[in-house]
Amino acid sequence: IHIIVENGNITLEGVVANEGDRNLAYMRASQVPGSFSVTNHLRVEK
């Protein structure tokens, strides 16, 4: 997973094993103090 932070905006990129991991990464990133938005570009491995 690549995590890009720019001016409080977080972007998640990469490949995860399943939808649960994708959602967990999004939830964790959303809880980071000072973050304004999270864009989830994570893809589920096929």
N, C-alpha and C. Protein backbone atom coordinates (compact mmCIF):
# COMPACT_ATOMS: atom_id res chain seq x y z
N ILE A 1 0.86 -1.18 0.00
CA ILE A 1 0.00 0.00 0.00
C ILE A 1 0.89 1.23 0.00
N HIS A 2 0.57 2.18 -0.86
CA HIS A 2 1.26 3.47 -0.88
C HIS A 2 0.31 4.49 -0.26
N ILE A 3 0.81 5.25 0.68
CA ILE A 3 0.02 6.28 1.35
C ILE A 3 0.62 7.62 1.00
N ILE A 4 -0.19 8.46 0.38
CA ILE A 4 0.26 9.79 -0.04
C ILE A 4 -0.51 10.82 0.78
N VAL A 5 0.23 11.71 1.43
CA VAL A 5 -0.40 12.75 2.24
C VAL A 5 0.02 14.10 1.68
N GLU A 6 -0.97 14.93 1.39
CA GLU A 6 -0.69 16.26 0.86
C GLU A 6 -1.71 17.23 1.43
N ASN A 7 -1.24 18.14 2.26
CA ASN A 7 -2.09 19.17 2.86
C ASN A 7 -3.31 18.59 3.57
N GLY A 8 -3.13 17.50 4.30
CA GLY A 8 -4.22 16.90 5.04
C GLY A 8 -5.10 15.97 4.23
N ASN A 9 -4.81 15.83 2.96
CA ASN A 9 -5.57 14.92 2.10
C ASN A 9 -4.77 13.63 1.92
N ILE A 10 -5.39 12.51 2.21
CA ILE A 10 -4.72 11.22 2.15
C ILE A 10 -5.23 10.44 0.94
N THR A 11 -4.30 9.86 0.19
CA THR A 11 -4.64 9.00 -0.93
C THR A 11 -4.01 7.64 -0.69
N LEU A 12 -4.83 6.59 -0.81
CA LEU A 12 -4.35 5.22 -0.66
C LEU A 12 -4.29 4.59 -2.04
N GLU A 13 -3.16 3.97 -2.36
CA GLU A 13 -2.98 3.32 -3.65
C GLU A 13 -2.33 1.96 -3.45
N GLY A 14 -2.64 1.02 -4.33
CA GLY A 14 -2.01 -0.29 -4.26
C GLY A 14 -3.03 -1.40 -4.37
N VAL A 15 -2.58 -2.60 -4.01
CA VAL A 15 -3.41 -3.81 -4.11
C VAL A 15 -3.50 -4.47 -2.75
N VAL A 16 -4.71 -4.87 -2.36
CA VAL A 16 -4.93 -5.57 -1.10
C VAL A 16 -5.57 -6.93 -1.39
N ALA A 17 -5.56 -7.81 -0.39
CA ALA A 17 -6.02 -9.19 -0.58
C ALA A 17 -7.54 -9.32 -0.70
N ASN A 18 -8.27 -8.43 0.01
CA ASN A 18 -9.73 -8.57 -0.02
C ASN A 18 -10.40 -7.24 0.32
N GLU A 19 -11.72 -7.21 0.18
CA GLU A 19 -12.49 -5.99 0.41
C GLU A 19 -12.39 -5.53 1.87
N GLY A 20 -12.29 -6.48 2.79
CA GLY A 20 -12.15 -6.14 4.21
C GLY A 20 -10.88 -5.35 4.48
N ASP A 21 -9.78 -5.76 3.86
CA ASP A 21 -8.51 -5.03 4.02
C ASP A 21 -8.62 -3.64 3.42
N ARG A 22 -9.32 -3.54 2.30
CA ARG A 22 -9.51 -2.24 1.63
C ARG A 22 -10.28 -1.29 2.56
N ASN A 23 -11.36 -1.80 3.15
CA ASN A 23 -12.17 -0.98 4.05
C ASN A 23 -11.42 -0.63 5.33
N LEU A 24 -10.65 -1.57 5.86
CA LEU A 24 -9.88 -1.32 7.08
C LEU A 24 -8.85 -0.22 6.86
N ALA A 25 -8.16 -0.26 5.74
CA ALA A 25 -7.16 0.77 5.44
C ALA A 25 -7.83 2.14 5.35
N TYR A 26 -9.00 2.19 4.72
CA TYR A 26 -9.73 3.45 4.59
C TYR A 26 -10.14 3.97 5.98
N MET A 27 -10.68 3.09 6.81
CA MET A 27 -11.12 3.51 8.15
C MET A 27 -9.95 4.02 8.98
N ARG A 28 -8.84 3.31 8.94
CA ARG A 28 -7.65 3.73 9.70
C ARG A 28 -7.14 5.09 9.21
N ALA A 29 -7.09 5.27 7.91
CA ALA A 29 -6.61 6.54 7.36
C ALA A 29 -7.55 7.68 7.74
N SER A 30 -8.84 7.40 7.80
CA SER A 30 -9.83 8.43 8.16
C SER A 30 -9.68 8.90 9.59
N GLN A 31 -9.06 8.08 10.44
CA GLN A 31 -8.90 8.42 11.86
C GLN A 31 -7.62 9.18 12.16
N VAL A 32 -6.80 9.43 11.16
CA VAL A 32 -5.54 10.14 11.38
C VAL A 32 -5.83 11.60 11.75
N PRO A 33 -5.33 12.07 12.90
CA PRO A 33 -5.56 13.46 13.28
C PRO A 33 -5.04 14.43 12.21
N GLY A 34 -5.85 15.42 11.88
CA GLY A 34 -5.44 16.42 10.91
C GLY A 34 -5.77 16.07 9.47
N SER A 35 -6.34 14.89 9.25
CA SER A 35 -6.69 14.54 7.86
C SER A 35 -8.05 15.14 7.52
N PHE A 36 -8.16 15.65 6.30
CA PHE A 36 -9.40 16.27 5.85
C PHE A 36 -10.21 15.33 4.97
N SER A 37 -9.52 14.54 4.16
CA SER A 37 -10.22 13.63 3.26
C SER A 37 -9.34 12.42 2.97
N VAL A 38 -10.00 11.32 2.60
CA VAL A 38 -9.29 10.11 2.21
C VAL A 38 -9.84 9.65 0.87
N THR A 39 -8.95 9.48 -0.09
CA THR A 39 -9.32 8.94 -1.39
C THR A 39 -8.77 7.53 -1.46
N ASN A 40 -9.66 6.57 -1.68
CA ASN A 40 -9.28 5.16 -1.64
C ASN A 40 -9.17 4.60 -3.05
N HIS A 41 -7.93 4.49 -3.55
CA HIS A 41 -7.68 3.90 -4.86
C HIS A 41 -7.12 2.49 -4.73
N LEU A 42 -7.36 1.85 -3.57
CA LEU A 42 -6.87 0.49 -3.38
C LEU A 42 -7.69 -0.47 -4.24
N ARG A 43 -7.00 -1.45 -4.83
CA ARG A 43 -7.66 -2.46 -5.65
C ARG A 43 -7.57 -3.81 -4.94
N VAL A 44 -8.63 -4.60 -5.08
CA VAL A 44 -8.64 -5.93 -4.49
C VAL A 44 -8.00 -6.90 -5.46
N GLU A 45 -7.06 -7.68 -4.94
CA GLU A 45 -6.34 -8.68 -5.73
C GLU A 45 -7.32 -9.71 -6.28
N LYS A 46 -7.14 -10.07 -7.54
CA LYS A 46 -8.06 -11.03 -8.17
C LYS A 46 -7.50 -12.42 -8.18
